[in-house]
Protein backbone atom coordinates (compact mmCIF):
# COMPACT_ATOMS: atom_id res chain seq x y z
CA MET A 1 -64.06 -160.21 -59.55
CA GLU A 2 -61.38 -157.63 -60.49
CA GLN A 3 -62.73 -154.09 -59.29
CA LYS A 4 -63.05 -151.62 -62.10
CA THR A 5 -60.50 -148.79 -61.78
CA GLU A 6 -61.72 -145.11 -62.48
CA THR A 7 -59.82 -143.44 -65.31
CA LEU A 8 -58.58 -139.82 -64.59
CA GLU A 9 -61.18 -138.70 -67.25
CA GLU A 10 -63.98 -140.52 -65.24
CA ARG A 11 -62.75 -138.88 -62.06
CA ILE A 12 -62.92 -135.39 -63.50
CA ASP A 13 -66.23 -136.07 -64.83
CA LEU A 14 -67.44 -137.03 -61.34
CA LEU A 15 -65.69 -133.74 -59.99
CA ARG A 16 -67.60 -131.72 -62.55
CA GLN A 17 -70.79 -133.23 -61.69
CA ARG A 18 -70.20 -132.47 -58.10
CA GLU A 19 -69.13 -128.92 -58.69
CA ALA A 20 -72.60 -128.32 -60.65
CA GLN A 21 -74.54 -129.99 -57.98
CA ALA A 22 -72.97 -127.55 -55.44
CA ARG A 23 -73.79 -124.44 -57.54
CA GLN A 24 -77.21 -125.40 -57.71
CA MET A 25 -77.59 -124.79 -53.83
CA GLY A 26 -80.68 -126.04 -52.50
CA GLY A 27 -82.28 -126.79 -55.87
CA GLU A 28 -84.05 -125.10 -58.78
CA GLU A 29 -87.42 -125.19 -57.06
CA LYS A 30 -86.07 -123.18 -53.96
CA ILE A 31 -84.07 -120.60 -56.23
CA ALA A 32 -87.28 -120.26 -58.46
CA ARG A 33 -89.22 -119.32 -55.54
CA ARG A 34 -86.77 -116.63 -54.36
CA ASP A 35 -86.61 -115.14 -57.72
CA ALA A 36 -90.48 -115.04 -57.70
CA ALA A 37 -90.44 -113.04 -54.77
CA GLY A 38 -87.64 -110.60 -56.15
CA LEU A 39 -84.88 -111.92 -53.62
CA MET A 40 -81.43 -112.53 -54.77
CA ASN A 41 -79.69 -115.84 -53.63
CA ALA A 42 -76.11 -116.19 -52.14
CA ARG A 43 -74.55 -116.25 -55.84
CA SER A 44 -76.40 -113.94 -57.49
CA ARG A 45 -75.55 -111.60 -54.51
CA ILE A 46 -71.65 -112.12 -55.01
CA ASP A 47 -72.06 -111.77 -58.64
CA ALA A 48 -73.81 -108.51 -58.25
CA LEU A 49 -71.33 -107.19 -55.55
CA LEU A 50 -67.89 -108.27 -57.30
CA ASP A 51 -66.13 -107.16 -60.60
CA ALA A 52 -67.58 -109.40 -63.22
CA GLY A 53 -65.62 -112.77 -63.52
CA SER A 54 -63.35 -112.17 -60.44
CA PHE A 55 -64.96 -114.62 -57.86
CA SER A 56 -62.68 -117.27 -56.68
CA GLU A 57 -64.43 -119.87 -54.49
CA THR A 58 -63.29 -121.80 -51.85
CA GLY A 59 -64.93 -124.85 -49.97
CA LEU A 60 -67.20 -125.39 -53.08
CA LEU A 61 -67.73 -129.10 -52.24
CA GLY A 62 -68.22 -128.60 -48.62
CA VAL A 63 -70.97 -130.70 -46.95
CA SER A 64 -72.25 -131.22 -43.50
CA THR A 65 -70.33 -133.74 -41.62
CA PHE A 66 -72.77 -135.08 -39.15
CA SER A 67 -74.82 -137.57 -41.20
CA ASP A 68 -74.77 -139.14 -44.80
CA ALA A 69 -78.31 -137.83 -45.40
CA ASP A 70 -77.28 -134.32 -44.83
CA ARG A 71 -74.19 -134.61 -47.20
CA LYS A 72 -76.57 -135.13 -50.09
CA THR A 73 -78.56 -131.98 -48.96
CA THR A 74 -76.17 -129.63 -47.76
CA PRO A 75 -74.27 -128.22 -50.93
CA GLY A 76 -71.49 -125.63 -49.82
CA ASP A 77 -72.81 -126.56 -46.44
CA GLY A 78 -74.97 -123.51 -46.66
CA LYS A 79 -72.27 -120.84 -47.18
CA VAL A 80 -70.55 -119.58 -50.21
CA ALA A 81 -67.18 -118.17 -49.54
CA GLY A 82 -64.13 -117.21 -51.22
CA PHE A 83 -62.43 -114.09 -52.72
CA GLY A 84 -62.80 -111.41 -55.42
CA LEU A 85 -62.39 -107.88 -56.73
CA ILE A 86 -64.23 -104.82 -55.96
CA ASP A 87 -63.05 -101.97 -58.26
CA GLY A 88 -59.86 -104.09 -58.91
CA ARG A 89 -58.93 -104.47 -55.22
CA MET A 90 -59.21 -108.07 -53.31
CA ILE A 91 -61.85 -108.70 -50.83
CA GLY A 92 -62.94 -111.99 -48.78
CA ILE A 93 -66.45 -112.72 -48.86
CA VAL A 94 -68.94 -115.10 -47.18
CA SER A 95 -72.84 -115.24 -48.53
CA ASN A 96 -75.10 -117.18 -46.78
CA ASP A 97 -77.24 -119.72 -48.66
CA PHE A 98 -80.84 -119.86 -47.12
CA THR A 99 -81.59 -122.13 -49.50
CA VAL A 100 -79.57 -124.92 -47.74
CA LYS A 101 -80.74 -125.55 -44.18
CA GLY A 102 -81.56 -121.94 -43.48
CA ALA A 103 -77.68 -121.27 -44.00
CA SER A 104 -77.54 -122.49 -40.36
CA SER A 105 -74.02 -122.61 -38.48
CA SER A 106 -72.47 -125.90 -38.62
CA LEU A 107 -68.83 -127.28 -38.48
CA THR A 108 -67.72 -127.24 -42.36
CA ASN A 109 -69.14 -123.62 -43.04
CA MET A 110 -67.45 -122.45 -39.90
CA LYS A 111 -64.32 -123.66 -41.05
CA LYS A 112 -64.90 -122.07 -44.41
CA ILE A 113 -65.75 -118.57 -42.67
CA GLY A 114 -62.47 -119.01 -40.45
CA HIS A 115 -60.45 -119.57 -43.56
CA VAL A 116 -61.68 -116.57 -45.54
CA LYS A 117 -61.35 -114.31 -42.26
CA ARG A 118 -57.87 -115.43 -41.53
CA THR A 119 -56.67 -115.11 -45.07
CA ALA A 120 -58.34 -111.58 -45.53
CA THR A 121 -56.71 -110.41 -42.10
CA ASP A 122 -53.09 -112.05 -42.73
CA ARG A 123 -53.05 -110.92 -46.37
CA GLY A 124 -54.65 -107.47 -45.74
CA PHE A 125 -57.81 -106.79 -47.51
CA PRO A 126 -61.66 -105.98 -46.35
CA LEU A 127 -63.90 -108.83 -45.42
CA VAL A 128 -67.67 -108.87 -46.47
CA PHE A 129 -70.50 -110.64 -44.91
CA LEU A 130 -73.73 -111.15 -46.98
CA GLY A 131 -76.03 -112.14 -43.95
CA GLU A 132 -79.19 -114.21 -44.01
CA SER A 133 -79.18 -117.04 -41.84
CA SER A 134 -81.47 -118.97 -39.28
CA GLY A 135 -78.79 -119.43 -36.37
CA ALA A 136 -77.14 -122.55 -35.48
CA ARG A 137 -78.16 -125.81 -37.07
CA MET A 138 -80.02 -128.35 -35.07
CA PRO A 139 -79.57 -131.12 -33.74
CA ASP A 140 -75.83 -130.55 -35.03
CA ASN A 141 -75.20 -127.99 -31.99
CA MET A 142 -77.13 -129.98 -29.31
CA GLY A 143 -75.55 -132.20 -26.67
CA ALA A 144 -71.91 -132.30 -25.40
CA GLU A 145 -70.55 -133.46 -28.72
CA GLY A 146 -72.18 -130.76 -30.60
CA MET A 147 -71.09 -128.30 -28.33
CA GLY A 148 -67.62 -129.47 -27.93
CA THR A 149 -66.91 -129.98 -31.74
CA MET A 150 -68.87 -126.90 -32.81
CA LEU A 151 -68.18 -124.19 -30.42
CA GLY A 152 -65.15 -122.62 -28.87
CA ASN A 153 -62.62 -124.25 -31.00
CA ASP A 154 -61.54 -121.05 -32.49
CA PRO A 155 -60.25 -118.61 -30.09
CA HIS A 156 -60.19 -115.82 -32.46
CA GLN A 157 -63.30 -116.16 -34.03
CA TYR A 158 -64.86 -112.88 -32.38
CA VAL A 159 -61.39 -110.91 -32.11
CA ARG A 160 -61.40 -107.66 -33.98
CA GLU A 161 -58.36 -105.35 -33.90
CA ARG A 162 -59.41 -103.65 -37.08
CA GLU A 163 -56.50 -104.86 -39.17
CA THR A 164 -58.83 -104.79 -42.27
CA PRO A 165 -62.10 -103.30 -42.93
CA TRP A 166 -65.41 -105.38 -42.02
CA VAL A 167 -68.33 -105.01 -43.81
CA SER A 168 -72.00 -106.45 -43.31
CA ALA A 169 -75.54 -106.74 -44.89
CA ILE A 170 -78.38 -107.76 -43.29
CA LEU A 171 -80.43 -109.32 -46.40
CA GLY A 172 -82.93 -111.48 -44.66
CA GLN A 173 -83.28 -112.86 -41.45
CA CYS A 174 -80.07 -112.91 -39.57
CA PHE A 175 -79.85 -114.78 -36.18
CA GLY A 176 -76.94 -116.02 -34.62
CA SER A 177 -73.78 -115.63 -36.59
CA SER A 178 -75.02 -113.43 -39.03
CA ALA A 179 -76.04 -110.86 -36.27
CA TRP A 180 -72.75 -111.22 -34.56
CA TYR A 181 -70.52 -110.58 -37.33
CA ALA A 182 -72.73 -107.47 -38.25
CA CYS A 183 -72.16 -106.14 -34.80
CA LEU A 184 -68.46 -106.63 -35.11
CA SER A 185 -68.16 -104.83 -38.47
CA ASP A 186 -67.17 -101.24 -39.43
CA PHE A 187 -70.06 -100.65 -41.71
CA VAL A 188 -73.59 -102.44 -41.72
CA VAL A 189 -76.21 -102.04 -44.38
CA MET A 190 -79.90 -103.45 -43.90
CA ARG A 191 -82.51 -103.93 -46.41
CA LYS A 192 -86.13 -103.02 -45.39
CA GLY A 193 -88.01 -106.43 -44.46
CA ALA A 194 -84.84 -107.97 -43.18
CA ILE A 195 -84.39 -108.72 -39.32
CA MET A 196 -81.47 -108.79 -37.18
CA ALA A 197 -81.68 -110.47 -33.66
CA VAL A 198 -80.16 -112.90 -31.24
CA ALA A 199 -82.69 -115.48 -31.97
CA SER A 200 -85.69 -116.05 -34.16
CA PRO A 201 -89.50 -114.21 -33.32
CA ALA A 202 -90.39 -117.93 -32.69
CA LEU A 203 -87.91 -118.61 -30.14
CA ALA A 204 -88.28 -115.25 -28.64
CA SER A 205 -91.92 -115.74 -28.39
CA LEU A 206 -91.66 -118.91 -26.55
CA ALA A 207 -88.93 -117.44 -24.24
CA ILE A 208 -91.17 -114.61 -23.00
CA GLY A 209 -94.54 -116.26 -23.42
CA GLN A 210 -95.90 -114.00 -25.64
CA LYS A 211 -96.05 -113.30 -29.52
CA VAL A 212 -93.42 -111.18 -30.81
CA GLU A 213 -93.71 -109.33 -34.27
CA PRO A 214 -90.21 -109.93 -36.48
CA GLU A 215 -90.02 -105.85 -36.97
CA ASP A 216 -90.24 -105.16 -33.50
CA LEU A 217 -87.53 -107.80 -32.28
CA GLY A 218 -85.19 -106.41 -35.02
CA GLY A 219 -86.32 -104.56 -38.07
CA TRP A 220 -84.73 -101.95 -39.77
CA LYS A 221 -86.45 -98.80 -37.78
CA LEU A 222 -85.40 -100.34 -34.40
CA HIS A 223 -81.60 -100.83 -35.58
CA SER A 224 -81.33 -97.36 -37.52
CA GLU A 225 -83.26 -95.13 -34.97
CA GLU A 226 -83.07 -96.58 -31.72
CA THR A 227 -79.88 -99.21 -31.19
CA GLY A 228 -77.74 -97.62 -33.95
CA LEU A 229 -76.50 -101.09 -34.86
CA ILE A 230 -76.58 -100.52 -38.51
CA ASP A 231 -75.39 -97.62 -40.80
CA ARG A 232 -77.32 -97.35 -43.79
CA VAL A 233 -80.94 -98.59 -44.82
CA ALA A 234 -81.50 -99.87 -48.66
CA GLU A 235 -84.83 -100.77 -50.40
CA THR A 236 -83.54 -103.98 -52.20
CA ASP A 237 -80.81 -106.24 -52.35
CA GLU A 238 -79.12 -104.51 -55.35
CA GLU A 239 -78.89 -101.06 -53.41
CA ALA A 240 -77.43 -102.67 -50.27
CA LEU A 241 -74.63 -104.28 -52.35
CA ALA A 242 -74.09 -100.69 -53.81
CA GLU A 243 -73.77 -99.25 -50.66
CA ILE A 244 -70.89 -101.77 -49.62
CA ARG A 245 -69.04 -101.03 -52.90
CA GLN A 246 -69.47 -97.18 -52.01
CA PHE A 247 -68.19 -97.61 -48.47
CA LEU A 248 -65.30 -99.51 -49.62
CA SER A 249 -64.12 -96.89 -52.10
CA TYR A 250 -63.38 -94.67 -49.20
CA MET A 251 -61.21 -97.46 -47.03
CA PRO A 252 -57.90 -98.78 -47.36
CA SER A 253 -57.51 -102.29 -48.01
CA HIS A 254 -55.56 -102.57 -44.66
CA ASN A 255 -54.62 -100.30 -41.61
CA ALA A 256 -50.97 -100.11 -42.80
CA GLU A 257 -52.11 -97.99 -46.08
CA THR A 258 -53.79 -94.57 -46.65
CA PRO A 259 -57.40 -94.54 -48.41
CA PRO A 260 -57.56 -94.49 -51.96
CA VAL A 261 -57.52 -90.88 -53.64
CA ALA A 262 -59.98 -90.13 -56.09
CA ASP A 263 -60.67 -87.26 -59.00
CA VAL A 264 -62.10 -84.29 -57.78
CA PRO A 265 -65.55 -83.59 -59.36
CA ALA A 266 -65.91 -80.11 -61.25
CA GLY A 267 -67.62 -77.54 -59.38
CA SER A 268 -66.26 -78.64 -55.86
CA ASP A 269 -64.53 -75.23 -55.21
CA GLU A 270 -67.30 -73.19 -56.35
CA ALA A 271 -70.00 -74.67 -54.20
CA ALA A 272 -68.32 -73.13 -50.77
CA GLU A 273 -69.71 -69.69 -51.78
CA LYS A 274 -73.12 -71.11 -51.13
CA ILE A 275 -72.33 -71.38 -47.21
CA LEU A 276 -73.63 -67.74 -46.75
CA GLN A 277 -76.93 -68.59 -48.14
CA ILE A 278 -77.44 -71.59 -45.76
CA LEU A 279 -76.17 -70.09 -42.65
CA PRO A 280 -78.82 -67.91 -40.70
CA ASP A 281 -78.08 -64.57 -39.50
CA SER A 282 -79.28 -65.35 -35.97
CA ARG A 283 -77.52 -67.70 -33.83
CA LYS A 284 -80.88 -68.79 -32.45
CA ARG A 285 -82.07 -70.02 -35.61
CA GLY A 286 -81.22 -73.81 -36.88
CA TYR A 287 -79.98 -74.98 -39.98
CA ASP A 288 -79.27 -78.32 -41.34
CA VAL A 289 -75.28 -78.80 -41.17
CA ARG A 290 -75.32 -81.45 -43.89
CA LYS A 291 -75.95 -78.64 -46.42
CA ILE A 292 -72.85 -76.71 -44.98
CA ILE A 293 -71.03 -80.22 -45.37
CA GLU A 294 -71.89 -80.81 -49.03
CA CYS A 295 -70.50 -77.20 -49.75
CA ILE A 296 -67.22 -77.98 -48.15
CA VAL A 297 -66.18 -81.47 -49.40
CA ASP A 298 -65.74 -82.78 -52.94
CA GLN A 299 -69.21 -82.54 -54.66
CA GLY A 300 -71.30 -85.80 -54.34
CA SER A 301 -68.81 -87.37 -52.01
CA PHE A 302 -70.54 -87.02 -48.64
CA PHE A 303 -71.45 -90.58 -47.62
CA GLU A 304 -73.25 -90.37 -44.11
CA MET A 305 -73.13 -92.97 -41.42
CA LYS A 306 -76.10 -93.51 -39.18
CA PRO A 307 -78.24 -90.81 -40.14
CA ARG A 308 -81.32 -91.88 -38.19
CA PHE A 309 -79.45 -92.45 -35.16
CA GLY A 310 -78.14 -89.59 -32.73
CA ARG A 311 -79.14 -87.06 -35.19
CA PRO A 312 -78.11 -83.98 -33.13
CA GLY A 313 -74.38 -85.55 -34.20
CA VAL A 314 -73.71 -85.86 -37.94
CA THR A 315 -70.90 -88.24 -38.96
CA GLY A 316 -69.74 -89.42 -42.67
CA LEU A 317 -67.08 -90.18 -45.01
CA ALA A 318 -66.18 -87.73 -47.73
CA ARG A 319 -63.17 -86.43 -49.71
CA LEU A 320 -61.46 -83.00 -50.02
CA GLU A 321 -59.32 -82.53 -52.95
CA GLY A 322 -59.68 -86.49 -53.59
CA GLN A 323 -58.63 -87.31 -50.13
CA VAL A 324 -60.80 -89.48 -47.83
CA VAL A 325 -61.57 -87.47 -44.54
CA GLY A 326 -64.01 -88.45 -41.72
CA ILE A 327 -66.78 -85.73 -41.03
CA VAL A 328 -67.98 -85.22 -37.49
CA ALA A 329 -70.50 -82.34 -37.02
CA ASN A 330 -73.41 -80.97 -34.83
CA ASN A 331 -76.84 -80.29 -36.38
CA PRO A 332 -78.48 -77.25 -35.08
CA ILE A 333 -81.83 -78.45 -36.87
CA VAL A 334 -82.02 -81.23 -34.14
CA LYS A 335 -82.15 -80.31 -30.54
CA ALA A 336 -80.36 -77.18 -31.33
CA GLY A 337 -77.15 -79.51 -31.96
CA ALA A 338 -77.03 -80.50 -28.19
CA LEU A 339 -75.31 -83.98 -28.00
CA ASP A 340 -77.30 -86.66 -26.47
CA VAL A 341 -76.19 -90.12 -25.28
CA ALA A 342 -77.06 -91.75 -28.79
CA SER A 343 -74.98 -88.99 -30.90
CA CYS A 344 -71.85 -89.47 -28.26
CA GLU A 345 -71.88 -93.29 -28.97
CA LYS A 346 -72.18 -92.47 -32.85
CA ILE A 347 -69.42 -90.14 -32.89
CA THR A 348 -67.32 -92.48 -30.62
CA ARG A 349 -67.64 -95.39 -32.72
CA PHE A 350 -66.64 -93.24 -35.81
CA LEU A 351 -63.63 -91.81 -34.59
CA ILE A 352 -62.51 -95.25 -33.88
CA MET A 353 -63.05 -96.36 -37.19
CA CYS A 354 -61.29 -93.14 -38.83
CA ASP A 355 -58.22 -93.78 -36.62
CA SER A 356 -58.04 -97.49 -37.12
CA PHE A 357 -57.93 -96.84 -41.04
CA ASN A 358 -55.95 -93.75 -41.30
CA ILE A 359 -58.69 -91.32 -42.16
CA PRO A 360 -58.09 -87.52 -41.07
CA ILE A 361 -60.99 -86.19 -39.04
CA ILE A 362 -62.81 -82.73 -39.46
CA MET A 363 -64.97 -81.51 -36.82
CA LEU A 364 -67.54 -78.72 -37.55
CA VAL A 365 -68.85 -77.18 -34.50
CA ASP A 366 -72.35 -75.60 -33.50
CA THR A 367 -73.36 -76.87 -30.08
CA PRO A 368 -74.71 -75.74 -26.83
CA GLY A 369 -73.23 -78.39 -25.21
CA PHE A 370 -74.79 -81.72 -24.11
CA VAL A 371 -78.43 -82.85 -23.50
CA ILE A 372 -78.95 -82.93 -19.55
CA GLY A 373 -81.85 -84.58 -17.49
CA ILE A 374 -82.80 -87.76 -16.11
CA GLU A 375 -83.17 -89.79 -19.44
CA GLY A 376 -79.42 -89.04 -20.39
CA GLU A 377 -78.39 -89.88 -16.80
CA ARG A 378 -80.28 -93.20 -16.97
CA LYS A 379 -78.49 -93.85 -20.22
CA LYS A 380 -75.00 -93.50 -18.79
CA ALA A 381 -74.39 -89.84 -20.19
CA PRO A 382 -71.40 -89.13 -18.07
CA GLY A 383 -69.73 -92.53 -19.19
CA LYS A 384 -70.61 -91.72 -23.19
CA ILE A 385 -69.24 -88.15 -22.94
CA MET A 386 -66.03 -89.70 -21.44
CA ASN A 387 -65.96 -92.43 -24.20
CA PHE A 388 -66.21 -89.78 -26.69
CA MET A 389 -63.42 -87.71 -25.18
CA VAL A 390 -61.07 -90.34 -24.39
CA ALA A 391 -61.61 -91.82 -28.10
CA LEU A 392 -60.79 -88.17 -29.38
CA GLN A 393 -57.72 -87.90 -27.48
CA MET A 394 -56.15 -91.37 -28.61
CA CYS A 395 -56.67 -90.55 -32.14
CA THR A 396 -53.58 -90.17 -33.99
CA VAL A 397 -54.84 -89.28 -37.31
CA PRO A 398 -54.99 -85.61 -38.27
CA LYS A 399 -58.01 -83.82 -36.43
CA LEU A 400 -58.89 -80.33 -37.53
CA SER A 401 -61.93 -78.37 -35.82
CA VAL A 402 -63.72 -75.50 -37.11
CA ILE A 403 -66.04 -73.61 -34.65
CA MET A 404 -68.87 -72.31 -37.08
CA ARG A 405 -71.01 -70.86 -34.14
CA LYS A 406 -71.60 -72.10 -30.56
CA SER A 407 -69.24 -74.24 -28.59
CA TYR A 408 -69.88 -74.32 -25.00
CA GLY A 409 -68.67 -76.30 -21.81
CA GLN A 410 -67.15 -79.60 -22.04
CA ALA A 411 -68.65 -80.10 -25.55
CA TYR A 412 -65.95 -77.55 -26.56
CA LEU A 413 -63.25 -80.16 -25.72
CA ASN A 414 -65.10 -83.25 -27.10
CA MET A 415 -65.70 -81.28 -30.60
CA GLY A 416 -61.84 -80.74 -30.64
CA GLY A 417 -61.31 -77.46 -28.71
CA GLY A 418 -58.00 -76.31 -27.41
CA ARG A 419 -55.29 -78.81 -27.94
CA ASN A 420 -57.87 -81.60 -28.74
CA SER A 421 -57.44 -80.82 -32.54
CA ASP A 422 -53.86 -80.34 -34.51
CA SER A 423 -55.46 -77.03 -35.56
CA VAL A 424 -58.62 -74.86 -34.74
CA ALA A 425 -60.05 -72.60 -36.71
CA VAL A 426 -63.19 -70.05 -36.15
CA TRP A 427 -65.70 -68.23 -38.19
CA PRO A 428 -66.56 -64.69 -37.41
CA THR A 429 -69.68 -66.03 -35.98
CA ALA A 430 -68.15 -68.41 -33.40
CA GLU A 431 -68.65 -67.83 -29.83
CA VAL A 432 -67.13 -69.76 -26.77
CA SER A 433 -67.88 -70.00 -23.01
CA PHE A 434 -68.55 -72.29 -20.50
CA MET A 435 -72.52 -72.01 -21.36
CA ASP A 436 -75.01 -69.95 -23.32
CA PRO A 437 -74.81 -66.44 -21.49
CA GLN A 438 -78.46 -66.52 -21.17
CA TYR A 439 -78.49 -69.84 -19.23
CA ALA A 440 -75.35 -68.87 -17.06
CA THR A 441 -77.49 -65.53 -16.16
CA ASP A 442 -80.44 -67.85 -15.14
CA VAL A 443 -78.08 -69.81 -12.97
CA VAL A 444 -76.50 -66.83 -11.25
CA THR A 445 -79.58 -65.31 -10.56
CA TRP A 446 -81.66 -68.51 -9.59
CA GLY A 447 -83.38 -67.76 -6.13
CA LYS A 448 -82.34 -64.24 -6.13
CA GLU A 449 -84.48 -61.21 -6.61
CA ALA A 450 -82.31 -59.50 -9.02
CA SER A 451 -83.45 -56.27 -10.54
CA GLU A 452 -83.66 -55.81 -14.51
CA GLU A 453 -80.52 -53.64 -13.95
CA GLU A 454 -78.65 -56.22 -11.97
CA THR A 455 -79.81 -58.82 -14.47
CA ARG A 456 -78.60 -56.92 -17.52
CA ASP A 457 -75.23 -56.11 -16.02
CA ILE A 458 -74.58 -60.19 -15.07
CA ARG A 459 -75.39 -60.92 -18.58
CA GLU A 460 -73.07 -58.47 -20.01
CA GLU A 461 -70.49 -59.92 -17.80
CA MET A 462 -71.33 -63.37 -19.15
CA GLU A 463 -70.99 -62.27 -22.45
CA ARG A 464 -67.53 -60.99 -22.00
CA ASN A 465 -65.11 -61.77 -24.66
CA SER A 466 -66.85 -64.98 -25.80
CA SER A 467 -66.59 -63.93 -29.35
CA TYR A 468 -64.20 -65.36 -31.97
CA LEU A 469 -61.59 -62.47 -31.25
CA GLY A 470 -61.28 -63.59 -27.63
CA LEU A 471 -60.10 -67.27 -28.67
CA ALA A 472 -58.00 -65.91 -31.81
CA GLU A 473 -55.87 -63.25 -29.35
CA ILE A 474 -54.89 -65.99 -27.04
CA PHE A 475 -54.12 -68.46 -29.96
CA ALA A 476 -56.62 -70.84 -28.62
CA ALA A 477 -57.87 -70.65 -32.35
CA GLN A 478 -54.90 -70.85 -34.82
CA SER A 479 -56.96 -69.58 -37.67
CA VAL A 480 -60.04 -67.18 -38.48
CA ILE A 481 -61.52 -67.90 -41.67
CA ALA A 482 -64.39 -66.69 -43.54
CA PRO A 483 -67.01 -69.57 -43.84
CA GLN A 484 -66.94 -69.54 -47.72
CA ASP A 485 -63.08 -70.19 -47.15
CA THR A 486 -63.30 -73.30 -45.21
CA ARG A 487 -62.76 -75.50 -47.97
CA ARG A 488 -59.66 -73.92 -49.10
CA TYR A 489 -58.44 -73.63 -45.43
CA LEU A 490 -58.98 -77.39 -44.77
CA VAL A 491 -57.17 -78.51 -47.81
CA GLU A 492 -54.28 -76.50 -47.02
CA GLU A 493 -54.21 -77.31 -43.43
CA LEU A 494 -54.56 -81.08 -44.07
CA ASN A 495 -51.68 -80.64 -46.65
CA VAL A 496 -49.47 -79.68 -43.57
CA GLN A 497 -50.86 -81.95 -40.71
CA LYS A 498 -51.08 -85.17 -42.92
CA LEU A 499 -47.25 -84.77 -43.30
CA ARG A 500 -46.32 -87.66 -40.77
CA ARG A 501 -42.86 -89.27 -40.46
CA SER A 502 -45.18 -92.33 -40.62
CA ARG A 503 -46.28 -91.26 -44.02
CA GLY A 504 -50.09 -90.99 -42.82
CA ILE A 505 -50.41 -94.20 -40.94
CA GLY A 506 -51.69 -93.79 -37.54
CA ARG A 507 -50.59 -95.61 -34.16
CA HIS A 508 -54.17 -97.53 -34.14
CA ARG A 509 -54.55 -97.21 -30.45
CA LEU A 510 -58.13 -97.70 -30.51
CA ALA A 511 -58.09 -100.68 -32.74
CA ASN A 512 -59.42 -103.06 -30.08
CA TRP A 513 -62.11 -100.82 -28.91
CA PRO A 514 -65.61 -102.85 -28.92
CA THR A 515 -67.69 -102.06 -32.09
CA THR A 516 -70.54 -101.56 -29.90
CA TYR A 517 -70.81 -100.86 -26.07
């Protein structure tokens, strides 16, 4: 019997059917359940993130390769991947489809991720991971064949040299690869109720022999306040996606270009006058440095990173006269601005990101030094302080330091003092010394029976020439400025310091530092 030959039209019809089936993901019933629970799906998240109509999918017809049965139930192999635009700029995107096998990792979808990652890196545009996955797919990964086929075939899978920005969103349970890519990213936003961990609570419970609660294992409070593995917390998927768009608005597409320039909002210059209303007369009184930052940068442009982690230090992206800058500041309202281990790690990671993507650094200084004591030593405080110091000295982007009030000891160097910045400015309220004069007096008189007069003389000696004038007179500070003139000074100084023969492109000596350590 002669076999019927399919016409081209029939083949195209079959193709359209397969495409439509793939776009249905795990089926109408599963999608409906997510909708009822107020959860977006892999495709609706892409639609909400990208410019309308700009998504170009790759690997639409991919399915599991391990069994014929799985091929019928794994449209897209559980991950939607491709390219699209955010504010007219190209990005690569991988969105986990939890309705298909829990978006578990398998051979085909790992190939899709690798393709998008390589293309984004080679062509020079950001990569976005929308995470929600159950980890490795069982039984595909089991046995020697599974391991030999699935794992270890991409020697660059976890390589980060920060050629382009990476962004991750934790939008559900994220185990395995979703957690790995989040930890490799420059920016991570997490929706409340989502979980990020090495493995599921069930597996963790089995491993340790007691019940583990999901929030305790990897909830938003843990990662925003204790581990520092996420940068921002969102209430909803929509809010998380908006945070991604905002973060990327500060970033260049790749490390060989400078960040995009924005219009300057009205009122940005006038806000600097409010600094005098915020800064206390007494150096012993605290204040929220974020209010000072808001007065200096373009109105509404400050985008804080890790606000709940390492709170004595403040880090964030902002704009000055439309130009993107990275802000590193001490916050005297928390621990008097003394830097702890968490804030050292937070600042170090931020410096690395700024240097990798050609973002000038502005340091606003008001710190009595580092938090000392047993707890800090157990958390490797000396190593964290030196990581911070090495990263700062290796940065090749413009660095400006403004000493607002206190700058003592080693923290003077870590916060850009001396030649650790391209230029240092001081306010008339600045004081610089090895340590607070009162503490220095206590150290010198420790164990002695010094009279009140002797103690007073020692304190006066310790206070000798620690004012802003002492720094300015020996040119250890290049400028003395009134607080309300800080914005104008920074704009003018950046216009000088950003004039590099490399046209604003740094040497990226920190590009291969780990994203967490």
